[in-house]
Structures are given as structure tokens and as C-alpha cells.
Amino acid sequence: MAPNRKASPKPSPKGMTLGATAFDKISAVEGIRLKPESKRMFVEFDRQGLSAEQRRRAIAEKHARKA
């Protein structure tokens, strides 16, 4: 009897979304690491339940040039 296997999700035509853990592993292979400050920022985003748009806005505001 064959083991029960779940069908893996099919990627949408737009592509697929990686979770933070998978992204960290791929980035590590490429030698890219998040600074502790950035990791804390993303943990805080998760805690607050921010949407993708809210996260993008917060990151842009943080890194915007002060004129």
C-alpha cells in the first residue's frame, strides 16, 4: 500500500510566495544575511499583523532619505 501523500500546492500563474524560513535558507546560500535590527523589525510586523502594503510602507519610511 502506498503511503498517503499530500499533493504539493501548485504555483499560481503569478508565481509563488516563499515564507521567511525558506527565504532565509536561500539567502544564506547566496551569502546574504539580515541584520538583527531587521529581524526584530519583521518580528514586530508579524506581532502587529501588518498587511504586505503596511510592511512596504513602514520599510520605505524607515529608509527614506531625510531632506
Protein backbone atom coordinates (compact mmCIF):
# COMPACT_ATOMS: atom_id res chain seq x y z
CA MET A 1 0.00 0.00 0.00
CA ALA A 2 1.40 3.38 -0.98
CA PRO A 3 1.91 5.98 1.76
CA ASN A 4 -0.60 8.80 1.93
CA ARG A 5 0.92 11.85 0.33
CA LYS A 6 -0.49 15.29 0.19
CA ALA A 7 -0.42 16.92 -3.19
CA SER A 8 2.00 19.81 -3.17
CA PRO A 9 0.36 23.15 -3.87
CA LYS A 10 0.60 24.22 -7.47
CA PRO A 11 2.20 27.62 -8.05
CA SER A 12 -0.17 30.27 -9.28
CA PRO A 13 0.39 31.83 -12.70
CA LYS A 14 1.78 34.88 -10.87
CA GLY A 15 4.48 32.80 -9.16
CA MET A 16 4.83 31.51 -5.65
CA THR A 17 5.44 33.10 -2.28
CA LEU A 18 8.26 31.97 -0.03
CA GLY A 19 7.97 32.01 3.72
CA ALA A 20 10.58 33.73 5.87
CA THR A 21 12.34 30.45 6.73
CA ALA A 22 12.70 29.37 3.10
CA PHE A 23 13.84 32.86 2.10
CA ASP A 24 16.47 32.84 4.89
CA LYS A 25 17.84 29.50 3.68
CA ILE A 26 18.08 30.62 0.05
CA SER A 27 19.65 33.93 1.07
CA ALA A 28 22.22 32.14 3.27
CA VAL A 29 23.39 30.12 0.26
CA GLU A 30 23.94 33.41 -1.56
CA GLY A 31 25.77 34.91 1.44
CA ILE A 32 23.00 37.38 2.29
CA ARG A 33 22.07 37.81 5.97
CA LEU A 34 19.55 40.07 7.69
CA LYS A 35 20.91 42.32 10.40
CA PRO A 36 19.48 41.70 13.89
CA GLU A 37 17.69 45.06 13.70
CA SER A 38 15.88 43.98 10.53
CA LYS A 39 14.93 40.62 12.05
CA ARG A 40 13.43 42.44 15.05
CA MET A 41 11.52 44.74 12.67
CA PHE A 42 9.96 41.76 10.83
CA VAL A 43 9.06 40.04 14.11
CA GLU A 44 7.32 43.26 15.17
CA PHE A 45 5.45 43.39 11.83
CA ASP A 46 4.21 39.84 12.49
CA ARG A 47 3.21 40.73 16.05
CA GLN A 48 1.21 43.72 14.79
CA GLY A 49 -0.36 41.69 11.97
CA LEU A 50 0.59 44.23 9.31
CA SER A 51 -0.51 43.69 5.72
CA ALA A 52 2.04 43.49 2.90
CA GLU A 53 1.25 47.08 1.93
CA GLN A 54 1.70 48.30 5.51
CA ARG A 55 5.03 46.47 5.74
CA ARG A 56 6.26 48.03 2.49
CA ARG A 57 5.22 51.48 3.68
CA ALA A 58 6.99 51.04 7.04
CA ILE A 59 10.20 49.86 5.34
CA ALA A 60 10.09 52.75 2.85
CA GLU A 61 9.55 55.27 5.66
CA LYS A 62 12.42 53.81 7.66
CA HIS A 63 14.85 54.02 4.76
CA ALA A 64 13.60 57.24 3.15
CA ARG A 65 16.17 59.96 2.81
CA LYS A 66 15.67 62.77 5.23
CA ALA A 67 15.79 66.07 3.35
